[in-house]
Amino acid sequence: MLGSWPPGAWRDVARSWKRTTIADPDAQAAVDLIKRAFGPGTVEVDRVYVGDITYLRTWEGWAYLATVIDLASRRVVGWAIADHMEASLACDALKMAIAARRPGPGFIMHTDRGAQYTSKDFRALLEAHHGVQSLSRKGQCLLTG
């Protein structure tokens, strides 16, 4: 019941939102190889990963969690947590996924167009492990929808 909320509660809820996708206007373009084909049975295990960053409010401030999920099994195969949203956060999550699952050459890493995922470091890591980058279309904020 809306009337039972204390004064200012909705204002505090609105303030707790953080923007996590900040596109890099200078980033090299990549295509959307997935085209929202997220249904069960569409891909094999360890062939397509999806990644995203979310935020967690803690007593000490914000923490950022980057995850890598295998699209076929729906399992989290890599993750990293930090007090920043720099490219190293996304890279650490991908490194964990690669070390744990050892995907074959040509695996696809699908993410939003955030600066962390379009950074030179993230793209170099993908290239070093023979991965292919796929980026969601501009304005398509729900990756796993």
Protein backbone atom coordinates (compact mmCIF):
# COMPACT_ATOMS: atom_id res chain seq x y z
CA MET A 1 0.00 0.00 0.00
CA LEU A 2 1.52 3.22 -1.15
CA GLY A 3 0.10 5.20 1.77
CA SER A 4 2.05 3.15 4.31
CA TRP A 5 5.47 4.15 2.96
CA PRO A 6 7.34 6.70 5.10
CA PRO A 7 7.78 10.20 3.68
CA GLY A 8 10.67 10.37 1.21
CA ALA A 9 10.85 6.57 0.68
CA TRP A 10 10.17 6.76 -3.05
CA ARG A 11 12.79 9.50 -3.39
CA ASP A 12 15.36 7.19 -1.75
CA VAL A 13 14.41 4.33 -4.09
CA ALA A 14 14.89 6.57 -7.11
CA ARG A 15 18.30 7.67 -5.87
CA SER A 16 19.50 4.08 -5.51
CA TRP A 17 19.52 3.53 -9.29
CA LYS A 18 22.87 3.64 -11.10
CA ARG A 19 23.62 3.76 -14.79
CA THR A 20 25.87 0.82 -15.72
CA THR A 21 25.93 0.98 -19.53
CA ILE A 22 27.95 3.93 -20.67
CA ALA A 23 28.81 3.60 -24.34
CA ASP A 24 32.18 4.64 -25.70
CA PRO A 25 31.45 6.82 -28.77
CA ASP A 26 34.94 6.08 -30.17
CA ALA A 27 34.63 2.30 -29.89
CA GLN A 28 34.95 0.09 -32.93
CA ALA A 29 31.59 -1.28 -34.05
CA ALA A 30 30.72 -4.97 -33.68
CA VAL A 31 27.67 -6.78 -34.97
CA ASP A 32 24.91 -8.51 -33.05
CA LEU A 33 25.59 -12.18 -33.82
CA ILE A 34 22.91 -13.45 -31.41
CA LYS A 35 19.97 -11.36 -32.65
CA ARG A 36 18.04 -12.13 -29.45
CA ALA A 37 18.03 -15.90 -30.05
CA PHE A 38 18.21 -16.70 -26.35
CA GLY A 39 15.80 -19.64 -26.31
CA PRO A 40 16.68 -23.09 -24.96
CA GLY A 41 18.41 -25.40 -27.39
CA THR A 42 19.59 -22.61 -29.69
CA VAL A 43 23.32 -23.16 -29.03
CA GLU A 44 25.77 -25.73 -27.65
CA VAL A 45 27.40 -25.47 -24.23
CA ASP A 46 30.48 -23.20 -24.15
CA ARG A 47 29.81 -21.72 -27.60
CA VAL A 48 27.98 -18.52 -26.60
CA TYR A 49 28.49 -16.51 -23.43
CA VAL A 50 26.56 -13.41 -22.38
CA GLY A 51 27.92 -10.82 -20.00
CA ASP A 52 26.63 -7.91 -18.01
CA ILE A 53 27.46 -5.71 -15.04
CA THR A 54 25.11 -4.95 -12.19
CA TYR A 55 25.51 -3.01 -8.98
CA LEU A 56 24.99 -3.90 -5.35
CA ARG A 57 24.44 -1.43 -2.55
CA THR A 58 26.57 -2.27 0.50
CA TRP A 59 27.19 -0.63 3.85
CA GLU A 60 30.46 0.73 2.43
CA GLY A 61 29.05 2.03 -0.86
CA TRP A 62 28.48 0.50 -4.28
CA ALA A 63 29.95 -2.79 -5.45
CA TYR A 64 29.87 -3.79 -9.11
CA LEU A 65 29.39 -7.40 -10.19
CA ALA A 66 30.34 -8.56 -13.69
CA THR A 67 29.05 -11.95 -14.76
CA VAL A 68 29.61 -14.27 -17.70
CA ILE A 69 26.79 -16.76 -18.30
CA ASP A 70 26.87 -19.73 -20.66
CA LEU A 71 23.80 -19.24 -22.85
CA ALA A 72 23.13 -22.97 -23.34
CA SER A 73 23.36 -24.11 -19.71
CA ARG A 74 22.31 -20.78 -18.12
CA ARG A 75 25.15 -21.23 -15.61
CA VAL A 76 27.37 -18.43 -14.34
CA VAL A 77 30.79 -19.50 -15.59
CA GLY A 78 32.73 -16.39 -14.61
CA TRP A 79 32.30 -13.43 -12.31
CA ALA A 80 34.22 -10.58 -10.73
CA ILE A 81 33.34 -7.97 -8.13
CA ALA A 82 34.97 -4.59 -7.51
CA ASP A 83 34.32 -1.07 -6.33
CA HIS A 84 34.61 0.26 -9.91
CA MET A 85 33.18 -0.38 -13.37
CA GLU A 86 36.44 -0.25 -15.31
CA ALA A 87 37.33 -2.61 -18.15
CA SER A 88 39.40 -4.75 -15.78
CA LEU A 89 36.19 -5.83 -14.02
CA ALA A 90 34.73 -7.28 -17.23
CA CYS A 91 38.12 -8.76 -18.17
CA ASP A 92 38.44 -10.53 -14.81
CA ALA A 93 35.01 -12.14 -15.22
CA LEU A 94 35.88 -13.31 -18.74
CA LYS A 95 39.27 -14.65 -17.57
CA MET A 96 37.50 -16.73 -14.91
CA ALA A 97 35.07 -18.12 -17.49
CA ILE A 98 37.86 -19.02 -19.92
CA ALA A 99 39.97 -20.68 -17.20
CA ALA A 100 37.02 -22.66 -15.84
CA ARG A 101 35.36 -23.72 -19.11
CA ARG A 102 38.09 -23.55 -21.80
CA PRO A 103 35.79 -22.64 -24.71
CA GLY A 104 36.91 -23.61 -28.20
CA PRO A 105 38.03 -21.19 -30.88
CA GLY A 106 35.26 -19.03 -32.26
CA PHE A 107 33.18 -18.86 -29.08
CA ILE A 108 30.92 -15.81 -28.99
CA MET A 109 30.88 -13.27 -26.15
CA HIS A 110 27.67 -11.21 -26.33
CA THR A 111 27.31 -8.05 -24.23
CA ASP A 112 25.84 -4.58 -24.29
CA ARG A 113 27.77 -1.69 -25.82
CA GLY A 114 29.23 -0.47 -22.53
CA ALA A 115 32.72 1.00 -22.52
CA GLN A 116 34.02 -1.93 -20.45
CA TYR A 117 33.14 -4.38 -23.22
CA THR A 118 34.28 -2.20 -26.12
CA SER A 119 37.61 -1.36 -24.49
CA LYS A 120 40.91 -2.33 -26.12
CA ASP A 121 41.76 -4.56 -23.14
CA PHE A 122 38.54 -6.57 -23.36
CA ARG A 123 38.79 -6.97 -27.13
CA ALA A 124 42.45 -8.02 -26.86
CA LEU A 125 41.54 -10.64 -24.25
CA LEU A 126 38.83 -12.03 -26.54
CA GLU A 127 41.21 -12.09 -29.49
CA ALA A 128 43.96 -13.82 -27.46
CA HIS A 129 41.52 -16.63 -26.66
CA HIS A 130 40.06 -16.78 -30.19
CA GLY A 131 36.70 -15.39 -29.11
CA VAL A 132 34.32 -13.38 -31.27
CA GLN A 133 32.60 -10.27 -29.95
CA SER A 134 28.88 -9.70 -30.37
CA LEU A 135 27.24 -6.50 -29.16
CA SER A 136 23.55 -5.90 -28.65
CA ARG A 137 21.88 -3.32 -30.81
CA LYS A 138 21.89 0.25 -29.60
CA GLY A 139 19.02 0.83 -27.22
CA GLN A 140 18.54 -2.89 -26.57
CA CYS A 141 19.10 -2.96 -22.83
CA LEU A 142 17.68 -6.43 -22.03
CA LEU A 143 20.33 -8.90 -23.16
CA THR A 144 18.82 -12.12 -21.89
CA GLY A 145 15.19 -11.23 -22.44
